[in-house]
Amino acid sequence: MANRYRDKNIFIRVTEIEKEIIKRKSIAAGYKTINSYAHNMLLNGIIIKVDLREILKLNTEINKIGTNINQIAYKANSSNRVTLDDIIKVKILLKEVQNVQIEMIKKLTDK
């Protein structure tokens, strides 16, 4: 493959700042030329697309659960008593947080 003849061109336009960033990245990656760096990145580079909607849903669910836990904590602080029912509710809510996290990890790793 090293002796193959490349007879097609691809041109891109960049700003001076972008060119400098690309140059620094190519040097940091150990390439002697921007061309060899660009060639390798175009053929072998990886693009990672992150869908933040799932993370926002997770955040919303955890906030709801946190609100419930805060209500229990407020009740415990105002009455100076914590009932067995309160402890059970907190354990259930914490289990919900764990389940939401597990589901999120599954969704993110399945894509």
PDB file of N, CA and C in Angstrom:
ATOM      1  N   MET A   1       0.805  -1.201   0.000  1.00  0.00           N
ATOM      2  CA  MET A   1       0.000   0.000   0.000  1.00  0.00           C
ATOM      3  C   MET A   1       0.849   1.267   0.000  1.00  0.00           C
ATOM      4  N   ALA A   2       2.049   1.212   0.491  1.00  0.00           N
ATOM      5  CA  ALA A   2       2.895   2.390   0.592  1.00  0.00           C
ATOM      6  C   ALA A   2       3.262   2.950  -0.780  1.00  0.00           C
ATOM      7  N   ASN A   3       3.292   2.121  -1.826  1.00  0.00           N
ATOM      8  CA  ASN A   3       3.692   2.567  -3.153  1.00  0.00           C
ATOM      9  C   ASN A   3       2.517   2.944  -4.038  1.00  0.00           C
ATOM     10  N   ARG A   4       1.318   2.976  -3.519  1.00  0.00           N
ATOM     11  CA  ARG A   4       0.170   3.296  -4.363  1.00  0.00           C
ATOM     12  C   ARG A   4       0.235   4.762  -4.826  1.00  0.00           C
ATOM     13  N   TYR A   5      -0.301   4.990  -5.981  1.00  0.00           N
ATOM     14  CA  TYR A   5      -0.271   6.326  -6.574  1.00  0.00           C
ATOM     15  C   TYR A   5      -1.590   7.020  -6.270  1.00  0.00           C
ATOM     16  N   ARG A   6      -1.487   8.183  -5.701  1.00  0.00           N
ATOM     17  CA  ARG A   6      -2.680   8.961  -5.363  1.00  0.00           C
ATOM     18  C   ARG A   6      -2.815  10.076  -6.396  1.00  0.00           C
ATOM     19  N   ASP A   7      -3.850   9.989  -7.214  1.00  0.00           N
ATOM     20  CA  ASP A   7      -4.008  10.968  -8.284  1.00  0.00           C
ATOM     21  C   ASP A   7      -5.261  11.836  -8.124  1.00  0.00           C
ATOM     22  N   LYS A   8      -5.967  11.738  -7.022  1.00  0.00           N
ATOM     23  CA  LYS A   8      -7.165  12.547  -6.783  1.00  0.00           C
ATOM     24  C   LYS A   8      -6.886  13.545  -5.670  1.00  0.00           C
ATOM     25  N   ASN A   9      -7.484  14.726  -5.796  1.00  0.00           N
ATOM     26  CA  ASN A   9      -7.289  15.782  -4.807  1.00  0.00           C
ATOM     27  C   ASN A   9      -8.584  16.087  -4.073  1.00  0.00           C
ATOM     28  N   ILE A  10      -8.431  16.475  -2.836  1.00  0.00           N
ATOM     29  CA  ILE A  10      -9.535  17.013  -2.046  1.00  0.00           C
ATOM     30  C   ILE A  10      -9.010  18.311  -1.443  1.00  0.00           C
ATOM     31  N   PHE A  11      -9.724  19.387  -1.661  1.00  0.00           N
ATOM     32  CA  PHE A  11      -9.289  20.674  -1.135  1.00  0.00           C
ATOM     33  C   PHE A  11     -10.296  21.153  -0.088  1.00  0.00           C
ATOM     34  N   ILE A  12      -9.779  21.723   0.972  1.00  0.00           N
ATOM     35  CA  ILE A  12     -10.658  22.350   1.970  1.00  0.00           C
ATOM     36  C   ILE A  12     -10.091  23.729   2.288  1.00  0.00           C
ATOM     37  N   ARG A  13     -10.956  24.615   2.683  1.00  0.00           N
ATOM     38  CA  ARG A  13     -10.530  25.955   3.071  1.00  0.00           C
ATOM     39  C   ARG A  13     -10.638  26.074   4.588  1.00  0.00           C
ATOM     40  N   VAL A  14      -9.615  26.658   5.175  1.00  0.00           N
ATOM     41  CA  VAL A  14      -9.600  26.883   6.619  1.00  0.00           C
ATOM     42  C   VAL A  14      -9.122  28.303   6.901  1.00  0.00           C
ATOM     43  N   THR A  15      -9.422  28.776   8.087  1.00  0.00           N
ATOM     44  CA  THR A  15      -8.906  30.080   8.492  1.00  0.00           C
ATOM     45  C   THR A  15      -7.463  29.908   8.965  1.00  0.00           C
ATOM     46  N   GLU A  16      -6.785  31.009   9.165  1.00  0.00           N
ATOM     47  CA  GLU A  16      -5.400  30.945   9.647  1.00  0.00           C
ATOM     48  C   GLU A  16      -5.343  30.263  11.012  1.00  0.00           C
ATOM     49  N   ILE A  17      -6.315  30.582  11.864  1.00  0.00           N
ATOM     50  CA  ILE A  17      -6.355  29.976  13.208  1.00  0.00           C
ATOM     51  C   ILE A  17      -6.599  28.480  13.110  1.00  0.00           C
ATOM     52  N   GLU A  18      -7.545  28.065  12.252  1.00  0.00           N
ATOM     53  CA  GLU A  18      -7.816  26.639  12.078  1.00  0.00           C
ATOM     54  C   GLU A  18      -6.586  25.907  11.557  1.00  0.00           C
ATOM     55  N   LYS A  19      -5.881  26.535  10.614  1.00  0.00           N
ATOM     56  CA  LYS A  19      -4.674  25.918  10.069  1.00  0.00           C
ATOM     57  C   LYS A  19      -3.631  25.722  11.166  1.00  0.00           C
ATOM     58  N   GLU A  20      -3.492  26.708  12.030  1.00  0.00           N
ATOM     59  CA  GLU A  20      -2.529  26.617  13.124  1.00  0.00           C
ATOM     60  C   GLU A  20      -2.920  25.510  14.109  1.00  0.00           C
ATOM     61  N   ILE A  21      -4.211  25.393  14.388  1.00  0.00           N
ATOM     62  CA  ILE A  21      -4.691  24.330  15.284  1.00  0.00           C
ATOM     63  C   ILE A  21      -4.397  22.962  14.672  1.00  0.00           C
ATOM     64  N   ILE A  22      -4.699  22.808  13.389  1.00  0.00           N
ATOM     65  CA  ILE A  22      -4.441  21.545  12.695  1.00  0.00           C
ATOM     66  C   ILE A  22      -2.956  21.227  12.709  1.00  0.00           C
ATOM     67  N   LYS A  23      -2.128  22.241  12.468  1.00  0.00           N
ATOM     68  CA  LYS A  23      -0.681  22.045  12.476  1.00  0.00           C
ATOM     69  C   LYS A  23      -0.213  21.561  13.845  1.00  0.00           C
ATOM     70  N   ARG A  24      -0.695  22.205  14.916  1.00  0.00           N
ATOM     71  CA  ARG A  24      -0.307  21.798  16.277  1.00  0.00           C
ATOM     72  C   ARG A  24      -0.756  20.374  16.582  1.00  0.00           C
ATOM     73  N   LYS A  25      -1.958  20.027  16.142  1.00  0.00           N
ATOM     74  CA  LYS A  25      -2.464  18.674  16.377  1.00  0.00           C
ATOM     75  C   LYS A  25      -1.641  17.637  15.623  1.00  0.00           C
ATOM     76  N   SER A  26      -1.255  17.989  14.400  1.00  0.00           N
ATOM     77  CA  SER A  26      -0.463  17.039  13.609  1.00  0.00           C
ATOM     78  C   SER A  26       0.907  16.812  14.241  1.00  0.00           C
ATOM     79  N   ILE A  27       1.521  17.871  14.739  1.00  0.00           N
ATOM     80  CA  ILE A  27       2.819  17.742  15.412  1.00  0.00           C
ATOM     81  C   ILE A  27       2.662  16.923  16.690  1.00  0.00           C
ATOM     82  N   ALA A  28       1.618  17.227  17.472  1.00  0.00           N
ATOM     83  CA  ALA A  28       1.378  16.500  18.723  1.00  0.00           C
ATOM     84  C   ALA A  28       1.130  15.016  18.474  1.00  0.00           C
ATOM     85  N   ALA A  29       0.530  14.703  17.321  1.00  0.00           N
ATOM     86  CA  ALA A  29       0.253  13.309  16.978  1.00  0.00           C
ATOM     87  C   ALA A  29       1.464  12.610  16.365  1.00  0.00           C
ATOM     88  N   GLY A  30       2.551  13.350  16.151  1.00  0.00           N
ATOM     89  CA  GLY A  30       3.781  12.749  15.638  1.00  0.00           C
ATOM     90  C   GLY A  30       3.912  12.705  14.126  1.00  0.00           C
ATOM     91  N   TYR A  31       3.137  13.504  13.417  1.00  0.00           N
ATOM     92  CA  TYR A  31       3.216  13.542  11.956  1.00  0.00           C
ATOM     93  C   TYR A  31       4.183  14.632  11.525  1.00  0.00           C
ATOM     94  N   LYS A  32       4.887  14.374  10.423  1.00  0.00           N
ATOM     95  CA  LYS A  32       5.851  15.345   9.907  1.00  0.00           C
ATOM     96  C   LYS A  32       5.179  16.418   9.069  1.00  0.00           C
ATOM     97  N   THR A  33       4.038  16.069   8.447  1.00  0.00           N
ATOM     98  CA  THR A  33       3.339  17.042   7.601  1.00  0.00           C
ATOM     99  C   THR A  33       1.851  17.068   7.936  1.00  0.00           C
ATOM    100  N   ILE A  34       1.229  18.214   7.667  1.00  0.00           N
ATOM    101  CA  ILE A  34      -0.214  18.323   7.839  1.00  0.00           C
ATOM    102  C   ILE A  34      -0.910  17.370   6.874  1.00  0.00           C
ATOM    103  N   ASN A  35      -0.362  17.214   5.683  1.00  0.00           N
ATOM    104  CA  ASN A  35      -0.957  16.337   4.684  1.00  0.00           C
ATOM    105  C   ASN A  35      -1.069  14.898   5.191  1.00  0.00           C
ATOM    106  N   SER A  36       0.012  14.373   5.773  1.00  0.00           N
ATOM    107  CA  SER A  36      -0.041  12.992   6.256  1.00  0.00           C
ATOM    108  C   SER A  36      -1.015  12.860   7.432  1.00  0.00           C
ATOM    109  N   TYR A  37      -1.049  13.880   8.282  1.00  0.00           N
ATOM    110  CA  TYR A  37      -1.991  13.888   9.403  1.00  0.00           C
ATOM    111  C   TYR A  37      -3.438  13.923   8.886  1.00  0.00           C
ATOM    112  N   ALA A  38      -3.711  14.847   7.958  1.00  0.00           N
ATOM    113  CA  ALA A  38      -5.053  14.989   7.404  1.00  0.00           C
ATOM    114  C   ALA A  38      -5.478  13.707   6.681  1.00  0.00           C
ATOM    115  N   HIS A  39      -4.565  13.131   5.932  1.00  0.00           N
ATOM    116  CA  HIS A  39      -4.850  11.903   5.203  1.00  0.00           C
ATOM    117  C   HIS A  39      -5.253  10.798   6.172  1.00  0.00           C
ATOM    118  N   ASN A  40      -4.485  10.632   7.227  1.00  0.00           N
ATOM    119  CA  ASN A  40      -4.792   9.593   8.208  1.00  0.00           C
ATOM    120  C   ASN A  40      -6.106   9.879   8.935  1.00  0.00           C
ATOM    121  N   MET A  41      -6.340  11.135   9.295  1.00  0.00           N
ATOM    122  CA  MET A  41      -7.576  11.471   9.997  1.00  0.00           C
ATOM    123  C   MET A  41      -8.795  11.268   9.099  1.00  0.00           C
ATOM    124  N   LEU A  42      -8.683  11.610   7.825  1.00  0.00           N
ATOM    125  CA  LEU A  42      -9.811  11.440   6.917  1.00  0.00           C
ATOM    126  C   LEU A  42     -10.137   9.966   6.682  1.00  0.00           C
ATOM    127  N   LEU A  43      -9.120   9.132   6.641  1.00  0.00           N
ATOM    128  CA  LEU A  43      -9.354   7.714   6.405  1.00  0.00           C
ATOM    129  C   LEU A  43      -9.666   6.942   7.684  1.00  0.00           C
ATOM    130  N   ASN A  44      -9.038   7.307   8.789  1.00  0.00           N
ATOM    131  CA  ASN A  44      -9.143   6.504  10.003  1.00  0.00           C
ATOM    132  C   ASN A  44      -9.714   7.237  11.211  1.00  0.00           C
ATOM    133  N   GLY A  45      -9.961   8.536  11.071  1.00  0.00           N
ATOM    134  CA  GLY A  45     -10.463   9.308  12.211  1.00  0.00           C
ATOM    135  C   GLY A  45     -11.833   8.831  12.648  1.00  0.00           C
ATOM    136  N   ILE A  46     -12.137   9.089  13.898  1.00  0.00           N
ATOM    137  CA  ILE A  46     -13.410   8.668  14.462  1.00  0.00           C
ATOM    138  C   ILE A  46     -14.215   9.907  14.832  1.00  0.00           C
ATOM    139  N   ILE A  47     -15.470   9.904  14.456  1.00  0.00           N
ATOM    140  CA  ILE A  47     -16.373  10.982  14.843  1.00  0.00           C
ATOM    141  C   ILE A  47     -17.326  10.414  15.884  1.00  0.00           C
ATOM    142  N   ILE A  48     -17.413  11.087  17.009  1.00  0.00           N
ATOM    143  CA  ILE A  48     -18.281  10.645  18.084  1.00  0.00           C
ATOM    144  C   ILE A  48     -19.440  11.627  18.179  1.00  0.00           C
ATOM    145  N   LYS A  49     -20.635  11.117  17.979  1.00  0.00           N
ATOM    146  CA  LYS A  49     -21.826  11.943  18.084  1.00  0.00           C
ATOM    147  C   LYS A  49     -22.476  11.652  19.425  1.00  0.00           C
ATOM    148  N   VAL A  50     -22.680  12.681  20.205  1.00  0.00           N
ATOM    149  CA  VAL A  50     -23.259  12.532  21.527  1.00  0.00           C
ATOM    150  C   VAL A  50     -24.650  13.142  21.524  1.00  0.00           C
ATOM    151  N   ASP A  51     -25.632  12.339  21.893  1.00  0.00           N
ATOM    152  CA  ASP A  51     -27.009  12.813  21.990  1.00  0.00           C
ATOM    153  C   ASP A  51     -27.273  13.142  23.455  1.00  0.00           C
ATOM    154  N   LEU A  52     -27.305  14.415  23.771  1.00  0.00           N
ATOM    155  CA  LEU A  52     -27.445  14.853  25.157  1.00  0.00           C
ATOM    156  C   LEU A  52     -28.876  14.775  25.662  1.00  0.00           C
ATOM    157  N   ARG A  53     -29.831  14.476  24.796  1.00  0.00           N
ATOM    158  CA  ARG A  53     -31.224  14.392  25.246  1.00  0.00           C
ATOM    159  C   ARG A  53     -31.395  13.319  26.315  1.00  0.00           C
ATOM    160  N   GLU A  54     -30.715  12.197  26.157  1.00  0.00           N
ATOM    161  CA  GLU A  54     -30.821  11.122  27.150  1.00  0.00           C
ATOM    162  C   GLU A  54     -30.250  11.564  28.495  1.00  0.00           C
ATOM    163  N   ILE A  55     -29.156  12.290  28.457  1.00  0.00           N
ATOM    164  CA  ILE A  55     -28.545  12.781  29.697  1.00  0.00           C
ATOM    165  C   ILE A  55     -29.458  13.808  30.361  1.00  0.00           C
ATOM    166  N   LEU A  56     -30.106  14.649  29.564  1.00  0.00           N
ATOM    167  CA  LEU A  56     -31.048  15.620  30.123  1.00  0.00           C
ATOM    168  C   LEU A  56     -32.242  14.924  30.772  1.00  0.00           C
ATOM    169  N   LYS A  57     -32.720  13.837  30.153  1.00  0.00           N
ATOM    170  CA  LYS A  57     -33.808  13.066  30.756  1.00  0.00           C
ATOM    171  C   LYS A  57     -33.363  12.475  32.090  1.00  0.00           C
ATOM    172  N   LEU A  58     -32.150  11.944  32.112  1.00  0.00           N
ATOM    173  CA  LEU A  58     -31.593  11.383  33.347  1.00  0.00           C
ATOM    174  C   LEU A  58     -31.534  12.454  34.422  1.00  0.00           C
ATOM    175  N   ASN A  59     -31.066  13.620  34.058  1.00  0.00           N
ATOM    176  CA  ASN A  59     -30.953  14.724  35.006  1.00  0.00           C
ATOM    177  C   ASN A  59     -32.325  15.109  35.561  1.00  0.00           C
ATOM    178  N   THR A  60     -33.330  15.136  34.716  1.00  0.00           N
ATOM    179  CA  THR A  60     -34.691  15.464  35.142  1.00  0.00           C
ATOM    180  C   THR A  60     -35.209  14.428  36.135  1.00  0.00           C
ATOM    181  N   GLU A  61     -34.995  13.153  35.820  1.00  0.00           N
ATOM    182  CA  GLU A  61     -35.458  12.091  36.719  1.00  0.00           C
ATOM    183  C   GLU A  61     -34.756  12.157  38.072  1.00  0.00           C
ATOM    184  N   ILE A  62     -33.461  12.373  38.052  1.00  0.00           N
ATOM    185  CA  ILE A  62     -32.710  12.454  39.312  1.00  0.00           C
ATOM    186  C   ILE A  62     -33.154  13.671  40.121  1.00  0.00           C
ATOM    187  N   ASN A  63     -33.448  14.784  39.456  1.00  0.00           N
ATOM    188  CA  ASN A  63     -33.937  15.974  40.159  1.00  0.00           C
ATOM    189  C   ASN A  63     -35.280  15.700  40.842  1.00  0.00           C
ATOM    190  N   LYS A  64     -36.172  14.984  40.158  1.00  0.00           N
ATOM    191  CA  LYS A  64     -37.468  14.644  40.755  1.00  0.00           C
ATOM    192  C   LYS A  64     -37.273  13.788  42.003  1.00  0.00           C
ATOM    193  N   ILE A  65     -36.406  12.804  41.887  1.00  0.00           N
ATOM    194  CA  ILE A  65     -36.133  11.928  43.025  1.00  0.00           C
ATOM    195  C   ILE A  65     -35.483  12.721  44.154  1.00  0.00           C
ATOM    196  N   GLY A  66     -34.571  13.617  43.804  1.00  0.00           N
ATOM    197  CA  GLY A  66     -33.924  14.460  44.807  1.00  0.00           C
ATOM    198  C   GLY A  66     -34.918  15.333  45.545  1.00  0.00           C
ATOM    199  N   THR A  67     -35.920  15.826  44.834  1.00  0.00           N
ATOM    200  CA  THR A  67     -36.969  16.634  45.465  1.00  0.00           C
ATOM    201  C   THR A  67     -37.717  15.804  46.508  1.00  0.00           C
ATOM    202  N   ASN A  68     -38.031  14.560  46.161  1.00  0.00           N
ATOM    203  CA  ASN A  68     -38.717  13.679  47.113  1.00  0.00           C
ATOM    204  C   ASN A  68     -37.854  13.413  48.342  1.00  0.00           C
ATOM    205  N   ILE A  69     -36.578  13.187  48.130  1.00  0.00           N
ATOM    206  CA  ILE A  69     -35.669  12.955  49.260  1.00  0.00           C
ATOM    207  C   ILE A  69     -35.581  14.206  50.129  1.00  0.00           C
ATOM    208  N   ASN A  70     -35.543  15.371  49.518  1.00  0.00           N
ATOM    209  CA  ASN A  70     -35.495  16.623  50.281  1.00  0.00           C
ATOM    210  C   ASN A  70     -36.758  16.814  51.126  1.00  0.00           C
ATOM    211  N   GLN A  71     -37.905  16.421  50.602  1.00  0.00           N
ATOM    212  CA  GLN A  71     -39.137  16.525  51.370  1.00  0.00           C
ATOM    213  C   GLN A  71     -39.089  15.636  52.608  1.00  0.00           C
ATOM    214  N   ILE A  72     -38.538  14.448  52.450  1.00  0.00           N
ATOM    215  CA  ILE A  72     -38.388  13.539  53.592  1.00  0.00           C
ATOM    216  C   ILE A  72     -37.402  14.128  54.601  1.00  0.00           C
ATOM    217  N   ALA A  73     -36.296  14.690  54.104  1.00  0.00           N
ATOM    218  CA  ALA A  73     -35.302  15.294  54.992  1.00  0.00           C
ATOM    219  C   ALA A  73     -35.899  16.483  55.737  1.00  0.00           C
ATOM    220  N   TYR A  74     -36.706  17.292  55.056  1.00  0.00           N
ATOM    221  CA  TYR A  74     -37.353  18.446  55.698  1.00  0.00           C
ATOM    222  C   TYR A  74     -38.264  17.969  56.822  1.00  0.00           C
ATOM    223  N   LYS A  75     -39.037  16.930  56.538  1.00  0.00           N
ATOM    224  CA  LYS A  75     -39.939  16.377  57.546  1.00  0.00           C
ATOM    225  C   LYS A  75     -39.147  15.870  58.749  1.00  0.00           C
ATOM    226  N   ALA A  76     -38.058  15.165  58.486  1.00  0.00           N
ATOM    227  CA  ALA A  76     -37.233  14.622  59.574  1.00  0.00           C
ATOM    228  C   ALA A  76     -36.625  15.748  60.403  1.00  0.00           C
ATOM    229  N   ASN A  77     -36.170  16.806  59.753  1.00  0.00           N
ATOM    230  CA  ASN A  77     -35.550  17.928  60.472  1.00  0.00           C
ATOM    231  C   ASN A  77     -36.565  18.736  61.269  1.00  0.00           C
ATOM    232  N   SER A  78     -37.766  18.884  60.726  1.00  0.00           N
ATOM    233  CA  SER A  78     -38.764  19.706  61.427  1.00  0.00           C
ATOM    234  C   SER A  78     -39.373  18.970  62.613  1.00  0.00           C
ATOM    235  N   SER A  79     -39.434  17.662  62.534  1.00  0.00           N
ATOM    236  CA  SER A  79     -40.041  16.901  63.633  1.00  0.00           C
ATOM    237  C   SER A  79     -38.995  16.222  64.515  1.00  0.00           C
ATOM    238  N   ASN A  80     -37.728  16.290  64.097  1.00  0.00           N
ATOM    239  CA  ASN A  80     -36.640  15.596  64.795  1.00  0.00           C
ATOM    240  C   ASN A  80     -36.899  14.098  64.917  1.00  0.00           C
ATOM    241  N   ARG A  81     -37.684  13.567  63.978  1.00  0.00           N
ATOM    242  CA  ARG A  81     -37.982  12.141  63.973  1.00  0.00           C
ATOM    243  C   ARG A  81     -37.886  11.611  62.549  1.00  0.00           C
ATOM    244  N   VAL A  82     -37.375  10.431  62.446  1.00  0.00           N
ATOM    245  CA  VAL A  82     -37.359   9.734  61.169  1.00  0.00           C
ATOM    246  C   VAL A  82     -38.058   8.402  61.405  1.00  0.00           C
ATOM    247  N   THR A  83     -39.069   8.170  60.613  1.00  0.00           N
ATOM    248  CA  THR A  83     -39.817   6.923  60.784  1.00  0.00           C
ATOM    249  C   THR A  83     -39.230   5.833  59.892  1.00  0.00           C
ATOM    250  N   LEU A  84     -39.600   4.627  60.198  1.00  0.00           N
ATOM    251  CA  LEU A  84     -39.180   3.495  59.374  1.00  0.00           C
ATOM    252  C   LEU A  84     -39.712   3.677  57.954  1.00  0.00           C
ATOM    253  N   ASP A  85     -40.920   4.215  57.834  1.00  0.00           N
ATOM    254  CA  ASP A  85     -41.508   4.479  56.520  1.00  0.00           C
ATOM    255  C   ASP A  85     -40.653   5.473  55.723  1.00  0.00           C
ATOM    256  N   ASP A  86     -40.125   6.503  56.399  1.00  0.00           N
ATOM    257  CA  ASP A  86     -39.254   7.482  55.743  1.00  0.00           C
ATOM    258  C   ASP A  86     -37.989   6.810  55.217  1.00  0.00           C
ATOM    259  N   ILE A  87     -37.409   5.951  56.029  1.00  0.00           N
ATOM    260  CA  ILE A  87     -36.177   5.253  55.625  1.00  0.00           C
ATOM    261  C   ILE A  87     -36.457   4.353  54.431  1.00  0.00           C
ATOM    262  N   ILE A  88     -37.578   3.671  54.461  1.00  0.00           N
ATOM    263  CA  ILE A  88     -37.941   2.793  53.340  1.00  0.00           C
ATOM    264  C   ILE A  88     -38.133   3.616  52.060  1.00  0.00           C
ATOM    265  N   LYS A  89     -38.810   4.782  52.188  1.00  0.00           N
ATOM    266  CA  LYS A  89     -39.019   5.647  51.022  1.00  0.00           C
ATOM    267  C   LYS A  89     -37.691   6.109  50.430  1.00  0.00           C
ATOM    268  N   VAL A  90     -36.753   6.501  51.286  1.00  0.00           N
ATOM    269  CA  VAL A  90     -35.442   6.953  50.804  1.00  0.00           C
ATOM    270  C   VAL A  90     -34.724   5.807  50.093  1.00  0.00           C
ATOM    271  N   LYS A  91     -34.776   4.616  50.656  1.00  0.00           N
ATOM    272  CA  LYS A  91     -34.131   3.462  50.008  1.00  0.00           C
ATOM    273  C   LYS A  91     -34.759   3.186  48.643  1.00  0.00           C
ATOM    274  N   ILE A  92     -36.080   3.296  48.560  1.00  0.00           N
ATOM    275  CA  ILE A  92     -36.766   3.077  47.276  1.00  0.00           C
ATOM    276  C   ILE A  92     -36.342   4.142  46.262  1.00  0.00           C
ATOM    277  N   LEU A  93     -36.271   5.394  46.714  1.00  0.00           N
ATOM    278  CA  LEU A  93     -35.877   6.482  45.817  1.00  0.00           C
ATOM    279  C   LEU A  93     -34.432   6.319  45.346  1.00  0.00           C
ATOM    280  N   LEU A  94     -33.561   5.910  46.240  1.00  0.00           N
ATOM    281  CA  LEU A  94     -32.166   5.681  45.850  1.00  0.00           C
ATOM    282  C   LEU A  94     -32.069   4.528  44.854  1.00  0.00           C
ATOM    283  N   LYS A  95     -32.897   3.510  45.033  1.00  0.00           N
ATOM    284  CA  LYS A  95     -32.928   2.397  44.078  1.00  0.00           C
ATOM    285  C   LYS A  95     -33.405   2.893  42.710  1.00  0.00           C
ATOM    286  N   GLU A  96     -34.372   3.827  42.706  1.00  0.00           N
ATOM    287  CA  GLU A  96     -34.833   4.417  41.448  1.00  0.00           C
ATOM    288  C   GLU A  96     -33.692   5.143  40.734  1.00  0.00           C
ATOM    289  N   VAL A  97     -32.888   5.885  41.500  1.00  0.00           N
ATOM    290  CA  VAL A  97     -31.738   6.583  40.912  1.00  0.00           C
ATOM    291  C   VAL A  97     -30.799   5.565  40.274  1.00  0.00           C
ATOM    292  N   GLN A  98     -30.524   4.478  40.983  1.00  0.00           N
ATOM    293  CA  GLN A  98     -29.640   3.448  40.430  1.00  0.00           C
ATOM    294  C   GLN A  98     -30.225   2.856  39.151  1.00  0.00           C
ATOM    295  N   ASN A  99     -31.529   2.594  39.151  1.00  0.00           N
ATOM    296  CA  ASN A  99     -32.165   2.021  37.962  1.00  0.00           C
ATOM    297  C   ASN A  99     -32.102   2.983  36.778  1.00  0.00           C
ATOM    298  N   VAL A 100     -32.324   4.263  37.027  1.00  0.00           N
ATOM    299  CA  VAL A 100     -32.241   5.260  35.959  1.00  0.00           C
ATOM    300  C   VAL A 100     -30.816   5.304  35.409  1.00  0.00           C
ATOM    301  N   GLN A 101     -29.840   5.245  36.285  1.00  0.00           N
ATOM    302  CA  GLN A 101     -28.441   5.261  35.843  1.00  0.00           C
ATOM    303  C   GLN A 101     -28.119   4.017  35.023  1.00  0.00           C
ATOM    304  N   ILE A 102     -28.579   2.870  35.457  1.00  0.00           N
ATOM    305  CA  ILE A 102     -28.332   1.621  34.718  1.00  0.00           C
ATOM    306  C   ILE A 102     -28.958   1.693  33.329  1.00  0.00           C
ATOM    307  N   GLU A 103     -30.198   2.181  33.258  1.00  0.00           N
ATOM    308  CA  GLU A 103     -30.869   2.322  31.962  1.00  0.00           C
ATOM    309  C   GLU A 103     -30.111   3.279  31.047  1.00  0.00           C
ATOM    310  N   MET A 104     -29.617   4.371  31.620  1.00  0.00           N
ATOM    311  CA  MET A 104     -28.851   5.346  30.831  1.00  0.00           C
ATOM    312  C   MET A 104     -27.578   4.710  30.283  1.00  0.00           C
ATOM    313  N   ILE A 105     -26.892   3.975  31.110  1.00  0.00           N
ATOM    314  CA  ILE A 105     -25.652   3.316  30.668  1.00  0.00           C
ATOM    315  C   ILE A 105     -25.970   2.338  29.541  1.00  0.00           C
ATOM    316  N   LYS A 106     -27.051   1.586  29.676  1.00  0.00           N
ATOM    317  CA  LYS A 106     -27.457   0.640  28.617  1.00  0.00           C
ATOM    318  C   LYS A 106     -27.733   1.379  27.315  1.00  0.00           C
ATOM    319  N   LYS A 107     -28.491   2.494  27.398  1.00  0.00           N
ATOM    320  CA  LYS A 107     -28.823   3.253  26.192  1.00  0.00           C
ATOM    321  C   LYS A 107     -27.588   3.822  25.528  1.00  0.00           C
ATOM    322  N   LEU A 108     -26.660   4.331  26.342  1.00  0.00           N
ATOM    323  CA  LEU A 108     -25.461   4.956  25.777  1.00  0.00           C
ATOM    324  C   LEU A 108     -24.493   3.942  25.201  1.00  0.00           C
ATOM    325  N   THR A 109     -24.456   2.738  25.763  1.00  0.00           N
ATOM    326  CA  THR A 109     -23.505   1.737  25.267  1.00  0.00           C
ATOM    327  C   THR A 109     -24.082   0.900  24.137  1.00  0.00           C
ATOM    328  N   ASP A 110     -25.393   0.916  23.952  1.00  0.00           N
ATOM    329  CA  ASP A 110     -26.016   0.151  22.863  1.00  0.00           C
ATOM    330  C   ASP A 110     -25.943   0.882  21.535  1.00  0.00           C
ATOM    331  N   LYS A 111     -25.675   2.178  21.568  1.00  0.00           N
ATOM    332  CA  LYS A 111     -25.688   2.975  20.327  1.00  0.00           C
ATOM    333  C   LYS A 111     -24.350   2.934  19.658  1.00  0.00           C
TER     334      LYS A 111
END
